[in-house]
């Protein structure tokens, strides 16, 4: 069995995510999201969709980006 890198659960059906040269073991997608998903710079929620980026800063949506001062980002064109 393998331990989840987020919660420490010793699980018999884990999965591994490889990113660059790092590999992580998880027991659920929830734990993978908590460990790997970026956080919105405005509302602090985990970004599990596309998100938007403004000059290296990530937001979950254009609304949060606008509230933080970004003017050119939109959710749809």
N, C-alpha and C. Protein backbone atom coordinates (compact mmCIF):
# COMPACT_ATOMS: atom_id res chain seq x y z
N UNK A 1 0.85 -1.18 0.00
CA UNK A 1 0.00 0.00 0.00
C UNK A 1 0.89 1.24 0.00
N UNK A 2 0.31 2.37 -0.32
CA UNK A 2 1.08 3.61 -0.41
C UNK A 2 0.36 4.73 0.33
N UNK A 3 1.15 5.62 0.90
CA UNK A 3 0.60 6.74 1.66
C UNK A 3 0.34 7.94 0.75
N UNK A 4 -0.80 8.59 0.99
CA UNK A 4 -1.15 9.81 0.27
C UNK A 4 -0.23 10.94 0.73
N UNK A 5 0.33 11.69 -0.23
CA UNK A 5 1.23 12.79 0.10
C UNK A 5 0.52 13.98 0.73
N UNK A 6 -0.80 14.04 0.66
CA UNK A 6 -1.53 15.14 1.27
C UNK A 6 -2.05 14.79 2.66
N UNK A 7 -2.79 13.69 2.76
CA UNK A 7 -3.44 13.38 4.04
C UNK A 7 -2.77 12.26 4.84
N UNK A 8 -1.87 11.53 4.19
CA UNK A 8 -1.16 10.46 4.89
C UNK A 8 -1.91 9.14 4.95
N UNK A 9 -3.07 9.06 4.33
CA UNK A 9 -3.85 7.82 4.33
C UNK A 9 -3.07 6.71 3.63
N UNK A 10 -3.01 5.55 4.25
CA UNK A 10 -2.37 4.38 3.66
C UNK A 10 -3.44 3.64 2.87
N UNK A 11 -3.38 3.70 1.55
CA UNK A 11 -4.48 3.29 0.69
C UNK A 11 -4.02 2.21 -0.28
N UNK A 12 -4.92 1.25 -0.56
CA UNK A 12 -4.55 0.14 -1.44
C UNK A 12 -4.77 0.44 -2.93
N UNK A 13 -5.38 1.58 -3.27
CA UNK A 13 -5.61 1.93 -4.68
C UNK A 13 -5.17 3.37 -4.96
N UNK A 14 -3.93 3.71 -4.66
CA UNK A 14 -3.47 5.08 -4.90
C UNK A 14 -3.20 5.34 -6.38
N UNK A 15 -3.03 6.60 -6.71
CA UNK A 15 -2.57 6.95 -8.05
C UNK A 15 -1.42 7.94 -7.91
N UNK A 16 -0.60 8.01 -8.94
CA UNK A 16 0.59 8.85 -8.92
C UNK A 16 0.46 9.92 -10.00
N UNK A 17 0.79 11.15 -9.64
CA UNK A 17 0.83 12.26 -10.59
C UNK A 17 2.28 12.70 -10.70
N UNK A 18 2.76 12.80 -11.93
CA UNK A 18 4.12 13.26 -12.17
C UNK A 18 4.06 14.64 -12.82
N UNK A 19 4.81 15.58 -12.26
CA UNK A 19 4.88 16.94 -12.79
C UNK A 19 6.35 17.32 -12.87
N UNK A 20 6.83 17.44 -14.10
CA UNK A 20 8.27 17.70 -14.27
C UNK A 20 9.05 16.52 -13.75
N UNK A 21 9.91 16.75 -12.78
CA UNK A 21 10.70 15.67 -12.20
C UNK A 21 10.14 15.18 -10.86
N UNK A 22 9.05 15.78 -10.40
CA UNK A 22 8.46 15.39 -9.11
C UNK A 22 7.28 14.43 -9.33
N UNK A 23 7.14 13.47 -8.44
CA UNK A 23 6.00 12.54 -8.45
C UNK A 23 5.31 12.58 -7.09
N UNK A 24 3.99 12.51 -7.12
CA UNK A 24 3.18 12.57 -5.91
C UNK A 24 2.21 11.41 -5.90
N UNK A 25 1.95 10.85 -4.74
CA UNK A 25 1.01 9.75 -4.57
C UNK A 25 -0.22 10.28 -3.84
N UNK A 26 -1.41 9.93 -4.35
CA UNK A 26 -2.66 10.41 -3.76
C UNK A 26 -3.66 9.28 -3.62
N UNK A 27 -4.58 9.46 -2.66
CA UNK A 27 -5.67 8.51 -2.49
C UNK A 27 -6.98 9.04 -3.08
N UNK A 28 -7.01 10.33 -3.48
CA UNK A 28 -8.23 10.90 -4.04
C UNK A 28 -7.87 12.14 -4.87
N UNK A 29 -8.79 12.52 -5.76
CA UNK A 29 -8.59 13.74 -6.52
C UNK A 29 -8.62 14.96 -5.60
N UNK A 30 -9.42 14.90 -4.55
CA UNK A 30 -9.48 16.00 -3.59
C UNK A 30 -8.09 16.29 -3.01
N UNK A 31 -7.37 15.26 -2.62
CA UNK A 31 -6.02 15.44 -2.08
C UNK A 31 -5.06 15.96 -3.15
N UNK A 32 -5.20 15.48 -4.38
CA UNK A 32 -4.35 15.95 -5.47
C UNK A 32 -4.59 17.44 -5.71
N UNK A 33 -5.84 17.86 -5.71
CA UNK A 33 -6.18 19.27 -5.90
C UNK A 33 -5.58 20.12 -4.78
N UNK A 34 -5.72 19.69 -3.55
CA UNK A 34 -5.18 20.45 -2.43
C UNK A 34 -3.67 20.61 -2.51
N UNK A 35 -3.00 19.61 -3.01
CA UNK A 35 -1.53 19.64 -3.09
C UNK A 35 -1.02 20.39 -4.32
N UNK A 36 -1.71 20.25 -5.47
CA UNK A 36 -1.14 20.70 -6.73
C UNK A 36 -1.81 21.91 -7.38
N UNK A 37 -3.10 22.13 -7.12
CA UNK A 37 -3.81 23.21 -7.81
C UNK A 37 -3.37 24.57 -7.30
N UNK A 38 -3.19 25.53 -8.21
CA UNK A 38 -2.84 26.88 -7.76
C UNK A 38 -4.02 27.51 -7.01
N UNK A 39 -3.74 28.58 -6.26
CA UNK A 39 -4.75 29.28 -5.48
C UNK A 39 -5.01 30.64 -6.11
N UNK A 40 -6.27 31.02 -6.20
CA UNK A 40 -6.65 32.34 -6.72
C UNK A 40 -6.04 33.42 -5.83
N UNK A 41 -5.38 34.38 -6.44
CA UNK A 41 -4.74 35.45 -5.68
C UNK A 41 -5.74 36.38 -5.02
N UNK A 42 -6.99 36.37 -5.48
CA UNK A 42 -8.01 37.25 -4.88
C UNK A 42 -8.83 36.55 -3.81
N UNK A 43 -9.53 35.46 -4.20
CA UNK A 43 -10.48 34.83 -3.26
C UNK A 43 -9.89 33.61 -2.53
N UNK A 44 -8.70 33.19 -2.95
CA UNK A 44 -7.96 32.08 -2.32
C UNK A 44 -8.55 30.69 -2.57
N UNK A 45 -9.53 30.56 -3.49
CA UNK A 45 -10.04 29.22 -3.79
C UNK A 45 -9.04 28.49 -4.69
N UNK A 46 -9.12 27.18 -4.71
CA UNK A 46 -8.26 26.38 -5.58
C UNK A 46 -8.75 26.51 -7.02
N UNK A 47 -7.83 26.68 -7.93
CA UNK A 47 -8.17 26.81 -9.35
C UNK A 47 -8.10 25.42 -9.97
N UNK A 48 -9.26 24.82 -10.24
CA UNK A 48 -9.28 23.48 -10.82
C UNK A 48 -9.76 23.50 -12.26
N UNK A 49 -10.07 24.68 -12.77
CA UNK A 49 -10.41 24.85 -14.17
C UNK A 49 -9.26 25.55 -14.86
N UNK A 50 -9.57 26.29 -15.92
CA UNK A 50 -8.53 26.97 -16.66
C UNK A 50 -7.94 28.15 -15.90
N UNK A 51 -8.78 28.91 -15.19
CA UNK A 51 -8.30 30.09 -14.51
C UNK A 51 -7.83 31.13 -15.52
N UNK A 52 -7.40 32.29 -15.01
CA UNK A 52 -6.85 33.34 -15.86
C UNK A 52 -5.57 33.85 -15.21
N UNK A 53 -4.66 34.31 -16.04
CA UNK A 53 -3.36 34.79 -15.54
C UNK A 53 -3.13 36.22 -16.00
N UNK A 54 -2.65 37.04 -15.11
CA UNK A 54 -2.28 38.41 -15.44
C UNK A 54 -0.88 38.68 -14.91
N UNK A 55 0.08 38.78 -15.82
CA UNK A 55 1.47 39.09 -15.46
C UNK A 55 2.00 38.17 -14.36
N UNK A 56 1.76 36.87 -14.51
CA UNK A 56 2.28 35.88 -13.57
C UNK A 56 1.42 35.65 -12.33
N UNK A 57 0.30 36.37 -12.20
CA UNK A 57 -0.61 36.19 -11.07
C UNK A 57 -1.84 35.44 -11.54
N UNK A 58 -2.22 34.40 -10.79
CA UNK A 58 -3.33 33.54 -11.19
C UNK A 58 -4.61 33.88 -10.43
N UNK A 59 -5.73 33.80 -11.16
CA UNK A 59 -7.06 34.04 -10.59
C UNK A 59 -8.00 32.92 -11.07
N UNK A 60 -9.03 32.65 -10.30
CA UNK A 60 -9.97 31.61 -10.70
C UNK A 60 -10.89 32.08 -11.83
N UNK A 61 -11.08 33.40 -11.95
CA UNK A 61 -11.96 33.95 -12.98
C UNK A 61 -11.60 35.40 -13.26
N UNK A 62 -12.13 35.96 -14.34
CA UNK A 62 -11.86 37.34 -14.70
C UNK A 62 -12.43 38.31 -13.67
N UNK A 63 -13.52 37.95 -13.02
CA UNK A 63 -14.10 38.81 -11.99
C UNK A 63 -13.10 39.04 -10.85
N UNK A 64 -12.49 37.98 -10.37
CA UNK A 64 -11.48 38.13 -9.31
C UNK A 64 -10.28 38.92 -9.80
N UNK A 65 -9.90 38.72 -11.06
CA UNK A 65 -8.78 39.47 -11.63
C UNK A 65 -9.11 40.96 -11.67
N UNK A 66 -10.34 41.30 -12.10
CA UNK A 66 -10.74 42.72 -12.15
C UNK A 66 -10.78 43.33 -10.75
N UNK A 67 -11.26 42.57 -9.77
CA UNK A 67 -11.30 43.08 -8.40
C UNK A 67 -9.90 43.33 -7.85
N UNK A 68 -8.92 42.68 -8.44
CA UNK A 68 -7.53 42.87 -8.02
C UNK A 68 -6.78 43.87 -8.90
N UNK A 69 -7.49 44.48 -9.85
CA UNK A 69 -6.87 45.53 -10.65
C UNK A 69 -6.57 45.19 -12.10
N UNK A 70 -6.69 43.95 -12.50
CA UNK A 70 -6.47 43.59 -13.90
C UNK A 70 -7.64 44.09 -14.73
N UNK A 71 -7.37 44.73 -15.84
CA UNK A 71 -8.44 45.34 -16.63
C UNK A 71 -8.74 44.60 -17.93
N UNK A 72 -7.80 43.87 -18.48
CA UNK A 72 -7.97 43.33 -19.82
C UNK A 72 -8.47 41.89 -19.86
N UNK A 73 -8.63 41.24 -18.72
CA UNK A 73 -9.01 39.82 -18.72
C UNK A 73 -10.53 39.66 -18.76
N UNK A 74 -10.97 38.70 -19.56
CA UNK A 74 -12.39 38.38 -19.65
C UNK A 74 -12.55 36.87 -19.59
N UNK A 75 -13.71 36.41 -19.09
CA UNK A 75 -13.98 34.99 -19.06
C UNK A 75 -14.34 34.46 -20.44
N UNK A 76 -14.94 35.32 -21.27
CA UNK A 76 -15.31 34.94 -22.64
C UNK A 76 -14.98 36.09 -23.56
N UNK A 77 -14.71 35.77 -24.81
CA UNK A 77 -14.44 36.86 -25.77
C UNK A 77 -15.64 37.06 -26.68
